[in-house]
Amino acid sequence: MMKISFDEYSKKARIKPGLIAVLPIGIAILALYPNGVFGWAIIWSLITISGGTLLISEIGRDMGKNKENKLYEVWDGMPSIKMLRHSNNSNSEQLKIRHNKLSRLITDINIPSAKEELQDNRKADEIYGICSTFLRNNTRDIKKFPLIFKELCSYGFRRNLWGLKPIGIVICALGLILIAIKIFLNIENQAIMQPILLIALLIDLIMLFIWIFWVNANWVKIAADAYAERLLESADDL
């Protein structure tokens, strides 16, 4: 039997967003057919074995990654780049220390001064981007930089969940419609109302609320800024 394994990042940042997106329809189906739990367990096992979780992982990753540039436009740049700009930094002494450390680590570039950044901010951002890439490439050791990895997983999870937002809303709405139809039919036929239907309805309503009002660019930015901060701090240990 084929067994598909995933690394820790894929589990946290790619698979979980996809599973959360399809969860409302799963809850609705279980509420509609509570006696078919065993059968659904078999179906889910077949989906897993055939690579369904891998597909969810790839879809979650692609939808988040494809919209990442849109996030950078809303945020006026990649967080790690923004934190290296003179124009975006209120702590000039801390910025000076960071620039000096990066200059020693990456000897073949010149960190722009405030004046040089103002004269050509595009070139300055390119240099800051090189610094950011250098730090990412040299902090991939999870054991040595556990906090960076933790924040990276958090950012990846939120970014991919935000990327899946349209799908998540549609699936939530579909689950609510199925449950509502079942409740309506029960009322029409004067059948006993199963508590699981009301519980499922409430869960899907809460999830729809979260998708619409909670999962947004600002929510992703909180994690992105935390990851960028930990990334820049890593210069102290390189």
Foldseek 3Di string as FASTA:
>chain_A
DDADDDDPLLVLQFQVLLCLLQVLQVLLVCLVCVVCPVVVVVVVVVCNRVCVSVVSRVLLQVLLVVCVVVLQVVVVHQLLLLCQAPVNDPPVVVNVVLLVLLCVVDVVDHQDDNVRCVVPVPVNSVVSVVSLVVLVVPPPPCVVQVQLVVLVSVLSNLSSSLSCLVSSLVSLVVSLVSLVVVVVVCVVVVHDDDVSSVVSNVVSVVSNCCSVPPRDSVNSVVSSNSSSVSSSVCSVVD
